[in-house]
């Protein structure tokens, strides 16, 4: 079976999974995740370079985390870090 063609010219759309994951969170949880991502970025990627933030997100998504961080929370935090990586610094 061939996968459906979801390119925009064929009527499909491309979904940013990380943004969808954050959007699915309650507003207060989303704000907490963004704040935590900002704190982590400040501590471990003070220049807020996109490649550093992406590496942190990949590490969380891949399973490299402390036992205190459950997988679902780690995945949502990774999504928040990726959002920061896409956001221009002010």
C-alpha atoms as a PDB file:
ATOM      1  CA  UNK A   1       0.000   0.000   0.000  1.00  0.00           C
ATOM      2  CA  UNK A   2       1.338   3.417  -0.987  1.00  0.00           C
ATOM      3  CA  UNK A   3       1.252   6.220   1.611  1.00  0.00           C
ATOM      4  CA  UNK A   4      -1.096   9.057   0.732  1.00  0.00           C
ATOM      5  CA  UNK A   5       0.509  12.077  -0.916  1.00  0.00           C
ATOM      6  CA  UNK A   6       0.102  14.864   1.606  1.00  0.00           C
ATOM      7  CA  UNK A   7       2.020  17.580  -0.178  1.00  0.00           C
ATOM      8  CA  UNK A   8       0.209  20.939  -0.174  1.00  0.00           C
ATOM      9  CA  UNK A   9      -0.304  20.911  -3.946  1.00  0.00           C
ATOM     10  CA  UNK A  10      -2.305  17.708  -3.541  1.00  0.00           C
ATOM     11  CA  UNK A  11      -4.646  19.100  -0.915  1.00  0.00           C
ATOM     12  CA  UNK A  12      -2.866  17.739   2.141  1.00  0.00           C
ATOM     13  CA  UNK A  13      -1.207  19.732   4.842  1.00  0.00           C
ATOM     14  CA  UNK A  14       2.002  19.435   6.781  1.00  0.00           C
ATOM     15  CA  UNK A  15       1.509  19.381  10.540  1.00  0.00           C
ATOM     16  CA  UNK A  16       4.198  20.561  12.938  1.00  0.00           C
ATOM     17  CA  UNK A  17       3.934  17.815  15.547  1.00  0.00           C
ATOM     18  CA  UNK A  18       5.712  19.824  18.233  1.00  0.00           C
ATOM     19  CA  UNK A  19       3.354  22.783  17.843  1.00  0.00           C
ATOM     20  CA  UNK A  20       0.363  20.437  17.824  1.00  0.00           C
ATOM     21  CA  UNK A  21       1.625  18.767  20.997  1.00  0.00           C
ATOM     22  CA  UNK A  22       2.019  22.123  22.758  1.00  0.00           C
ATOM     23  CA  UNK A  23      -1.349  23.350  21.493  1.00  0.00           C
ATOM     24  CA  UNK A  24      -2.978  20.221  22.937  1.00  0.00           C
ATOM     25  CA  UNK A  25      -1.729  21.161  26.419  1.00  0.00           C
ATOM     26  CA  UNK A  26      -3.802  23.316  28.740  1.00  0.00           C
ATOM     27  CA  UNK A  27      -2.742  26.975  28.612  1.00  0.00           C
ATOM     28  CA  UNK A  28      -1.201  26.898  32.098  1.00  0.00           C
ATOM     29  CA  UNK A  29       0.780  23.732  31.346  1.00  0.00           C
ATOM     30  CA  UNK A  30       1.954  25.216  28.021  1.00  0.00           C
ATOM     31  CA  UNK A  31       3.104  28.372  29.842  1.00  0.00           C
ATOM     32  CA  UNK A  32       4.939  26.217  32.412  1.00  0.00           C
ATOM     33  CA  UNK A  33       6.649  24.221  29.657  1.00  0.00           C
ATOM     34  CA  UNK A  34       7.787  27.361  27.837  1.00  0.00           C
ATOM     35  CA  UNK A  35       9.054  28.847  31.120  1.00  0.00           C
ATOM     36  CA  UNK A  36      10.943  25.633  31.935  1.00  0.00           C
ATOM     37  CA  UNK A  37      12.404  25.550  28.436  1.00  0.00           C
ATOM     38  CA  UNK A  38      13.535  29.169  28.866  1.00  0.00           C
ATOM     39  CA  UNK A  39      15.232  28.258  32.165  1.00  0.00           C
ATOM     40  CA  UNK A  40      16.977  25.252  30.617  1.00  0.00           C
ATOM     41  CA  UNK A  41      18.066  27.319  27.644  1.00  0.00           C
ATOM     42  CA  UNK A  42      19.468  29.982  29.950  1.00  0.00           C
ATOM     43  CA  UNK A  43      21.430  27.404  31.916  1.00  0.00           C
ATOM     44  CA  UNK A  44      22.652  25.082  29.160  1.00  0.00           C
ATOM     45  CA  UNK A  45      22.444  27.160  25.976  1.00  0.00           C
ATOM     46  CA  UNK A  46      22.890  30.778  27.083  1.00  0.00           C
ATOM     47  CA  UNK A  47      23.436  31.955  23.505  1.00  0.00           C
ATOM     48  CA  UNK A  48      20.110  30.297  22.606  1.00  0.00           C
ATOM     49  CA  UNK A  49      21.559  28.934  19.399  1.00  0.00           C
ATOM     50  CA  UNK A  50      18.994  26.866  17.528  1.00  0.00           C
ATOM     51  CA  UNK A  51      21.385  23.920  17.155  1.00  0.00           C
ATOM     52  CA  UNK A  52      21.999  23.791  20.917  1.00  0.00           C
ATOM     53  CA  UNK A  53      18.281  23.936  21.707  1.00  0.00           C
ATOM     54  CA  UNK A  54      17.542  21.291  19.090  1.00  0.00           C
ATOM     55  CA  UNK A  55      20.242  19.026  20.580  1.00  0.00           C
ATOM     56  CA  UNK A  56      18.657  19.402  24.020  1.00  0.00           C
ATOM     57  CA  UNK A  57      15.235  18.599  22.551  1.00  0.00           C
ATOM     58  CA  UNK A  58      16.588  15.560  20.715  1.00  0.00           C
ATOM     59  CA  UNK A  59      18.179  14.295  23.911  1.00  0.00           C
ATOM     60  CA  UNK A  60      14.895  14.574  25.789  1.00  0.00           C
ATOM     61  CA  UNK A  61      12.904  12.966  22.973  1.00  0.00           C
ATOM     62  CA  UNK A  62      15.381  10.120  22.573  1.00  0.00           C
ATOM     63  CA  UNK A  63      15.106   9.060  26.167  1.00  0.00           C
ATOM     64  CA  UNK A  64      18.211  10.625  27.682  1.00  0.00           C
ATOM     65  CA  UNK A  65      16.673  12.072  30.829  1.00  0.00           C
ATOM     66  CA  UNK A  66      16.589  11.612  34.551  1.00  0.00           C
ATOM     67  CA  UNK A  67      14.232   9.028  36.035  1.00  0.00           C
ATOM     68  CA  UNK A  68      12.255  11.881  37.581  1.00  0.00           C
ATOM     69  CA  UNK A  69      11.215  13.128  34.136  1.00  0.00           C
ATOM     70  CA  UNK A  70       8.546  10.898  32.647  1.00  0.00           C
ATOM     71  CA  UNK A  71       8.555  10.281  28.905  1.00  0.00           C
ATOM     72  CA  UNK A  72       5.398  12.273  28.100  1.00  0.00           C
ATOM     73  CA  UNK A  73       6.626  15.323  30.014  1.00  0.00           C
ATOM     74  CA  UNK A  74      10.053  15.026  28.400  1.00  0.00           C
ATOM     75  CA  UNK A  75       8.424  14.957  24.956  1.00  0.00           C
ATOM     76  CA  UNK A  76       6.343  18.073  25.725  1.00  0.00           C
ATOM     77  CA  UNK A  77       9.409  19.859  27.087  1.00  0.00           C
ATOM     78  CA  UNK A  78      11.318  18.924  23.932  1.00  0.00           C
ATOM     79  CA  UNK A  79       8.520  20.492  21.895  1.00  0.00           C
ATOM     80  CA  UNK A  80       8.844  23.684  23.927  1.00  0.00           C
ATOM     81  CA  UNK A  81      12.614  23.729  23.350  1.00  0.00           C
ATOM     82  CA  UNK A  82      12.057  23.303  19.619  1.00  0.00           C
ATOM     83  CA  UNK A  83       9.639  26.219  19.678  1.00  0.00           C
ATOM     84  CA  UNK A  84      12.358  28.335  21.308  1.00  0.00           C
ATOM     85  CA  UNK A  85      14.810  27.183  18.654  1.00  0.00           C
ATOM     86  CA  UNK A  86      12.455  28.508  15.947  1.00  0.00           C
ATOM     87  CA  UNK A  87      11.762  31.782  17.742  1.00  0.00           C
ATOM     88  CA  UNK A  88      14.058  34.654  16.777  1.00  0.00           C
ATOM     89  CA  UNK A  89      15.980  36.063  19.719  1.00  0.00           C
ATOM     90  CA  UNK A  90      14.991  39.553  20.809  1.00  0.00           C
END
